[in-house]
Amino acid sequence: MDEDAVARPPQYTIGQDLSTFSVEELKRTIGLLRDEIARLEQELSSKDSTKAAAEALFRRS
C-alpha cells in the first residue's frame, strides 16, 4: 500500500455522509477541523484588533 495515500488526510466536505469514514479517518478529520477552527479564530481576533485600532484612531479626531 502507498504510504502517501495512508498519510494523506481524508477529503471532507461539510455535511457529507460520514458513514464511509473509518474511525481513524474520523479522528484525523476532527483534528484537522480543530486546527482549522483555531486558525479561523486567530484570523478573526487579528481582524478585530485591527478594526478596534482603526476605530480608536478615527475617534480621536
C-alpha atoms as a PDB file:
ATOM      1  CA  MET A   1       0.000   0.000   0.000  1.00  0.00           C
ATOM      2  CA  ASP A   2       1.221   3.514  -0.817  1.00  0.00           C
ATOM      3  CA  GLU A   3       2.313   5.311   2.385  1.00  0.00           C
ATOM      4  CA  ASP A   4       1.381   8.706   0.904  1.00  0.00           C
ATOM      5  CA  ALA A   5      -2.197   7.524   0.474  1.00  0.00           C
ATOM      6  CA  VAL A   6      -2.332   6.421   4.114  1.00  0.00           C
ATOM      7  CA  ALA A   7      -0.816   9.662   5.451  1.00  0.00           C
ATOM      8  CA  ARG A   8      -2.979  11.923   3.277  1.00  0.00           C
ATOM      9  CA  PRO A   9      -5.925  13.466   5.139  1.00  0.00           C
ATOM     10  CA  PRO A  10      -9.369  12.387   4.029  1.00  0.00           C
ATOM     11  CA  GLN A  11     -11.314  14.677   1.756  1.00  0.00           C
ATOM     12  CA  TYR A  12     -14.064  16.258   3.794  1.00  0.00           C
ATOM     13  CA  THR A  13     -16.972  18.475   2.862  1.00  0.00           C
ATOM     14  CA  ILE A  14     -19.300  19.933   5.467  1.00  0.00           C
ATOM     15  CA  GLY A  15     -22.499  17.905   5.558  1.00  0.00           C
ATOM     16  CA  GLN A  16     -21.172  14.897   3.693  1.00  0.00           C
ATOM     17  CA  ASP A  17     -22.088  11.315   4.569  1.00  0.00           C
ATOM     18  CA  LEU A  18     -19.697  10.181   7.286  1.00  0.00           C
ATOM     19  CA  SER A  19     -20.628   6.503   7.144  1.00  0.00           C
ATOM     20  CA  THR A  20     -17.833   5.807   4.669  1.00  0.00           C
ATOM     21  CA  PHE A  21     -15.109   7.158   7.010  1.00  0.00           C
ATOM     22  CA  SER A  22     -13.094   4.791   9.150  1.00  0.00           C
ATOM     23  CA  VAL A  23     -12.568   5.548  12.833  1.00  0.00           C
ATOM     24  CA  GLU A  24      -9.035   6.751  12.069  1.00  0.00           C
ATOM     25  CA  GLU A  25     -10.269   8.988   9.241  1.00  0.00           C
ATOM     26  CA  LEU A  26     -12.888  10.483  11.552  1.00  0.00           C
ATOM     27  CA  LYS A  27     -10.271  11.167  14.241  1.00  0.00           C
ATOM     28  CA  ARG A  28      -7.906  12.703  11.699  1.00  0.00           C
ATOM     29  CA  THR A  29     -10.689  14.855  10.262  1.00  0.00           C
ATOM     30  CA  ILE A  30     -11.676  16.062  13.729  1.00  0.00           C
ATOM     31  CA  GLY A  31      -8.061  17.048  14.370  1.00  0.00           C
ATOM     32  CA  LEU A  32      -7.830  18.885  11.066  1.00  0.00           C
ATOM     33  CA  LEU A  33     -11.092  20.695  11.731  1.00  0.00           C
ATOM     34  CA  ARG A  34      -9.949  21.712  15.223  1.00  0.00           C
ATOM     35  CA  ASP A  35      -6.739  23.091  13.727  1.00  0.00           C
ATOM     36  CA  GLU A  36      -8.749  24.958  11.105  1.00  0.00           C
ATOM     37  CA  ILE A  37     -11.098  26.395  13.760  1.00  0.00           C
ATOM     38  CA  ALA A  38      -8.073  27.654  15.711  1.00  0.00           C
ATOM     39  CA  ARG A  39      -6.687  29.236  12.538  1.00  0.00           C
ATOM     40  CA  LEU A  40     -10.019  30.908  11.787  1.00  0.00           C
ATOM     41  CA  GLU A  41     -10.353  32.195  15.349  1.00  0.00           C
ATOM     42  CA  GLN A  42      -6.817  33.600  15.212  1.00  0.00           C
ATOM     43  CA  GLU A  43      -7.611  35.452  11.984  1.00  0.00           C
ATOM     44  CA  LEU A  44     -10.865  36.760  13.448  1.00  0.00           C
ATOM     45  CA  SER A  45      -9.029  38.015  16.525  1.00  0.00           C
ATOM     46  CA  SER A  46      -6.448  39.710  14.326  1.00  0.00           C
ATOM     47  CA  LYS A  47      -9.151  41.438  12.309  1.00  0.00           C
ATOM     48  CA  ASP A  48     -10.983  42.515  15.471  1.00  0.00           C
ATOM     49  CA  SER A  49      -7.747  44.034  16.815  1.00  0.00           C
ATOM     50  CA  THR A  50      -7.123  45.881  13.550  1.00  0.00           C
ATOM     51  CA  LYS A  51     -10.699  47.158  13.473  1.00  0.00           C
ATOM     52  CA  ALA A  52     -10.512  48.329  17.094  1.00  0.00           C
ATOM     53  CA  ALA A  53      -7.242  50.150  16.416  1.00  0.00           C
ATOM     54  CA  ALA A  54      -8.704  51.868  13.349  1.00  0.00           C
ATOM     55  CA  GLU A  55     -11.845  52.898  15.263  1.00  0.00           C
ATOM     56  CA  ALA A  56      -9.724  54.293  18.078  1.00  0.00           C
ATOM     57  CA  LEU A  57      -7.628  56.286  15.612  1.00  0.00           C
ATOM     58  CA  PHE A  58     -10.634  57.855  13.916  1.00  0.00           C
ATOM     59  CA  ARG A  59     -12.401  58.581  17.217  1.00  0.00           C
ATOM     60  CA  ARG A  60      -9.548  60.853  18.260  1.00  0.00           C
ATOM     61  CA  SER A  61     -10.324  63.365  15.516  1.00  0.00           C
END
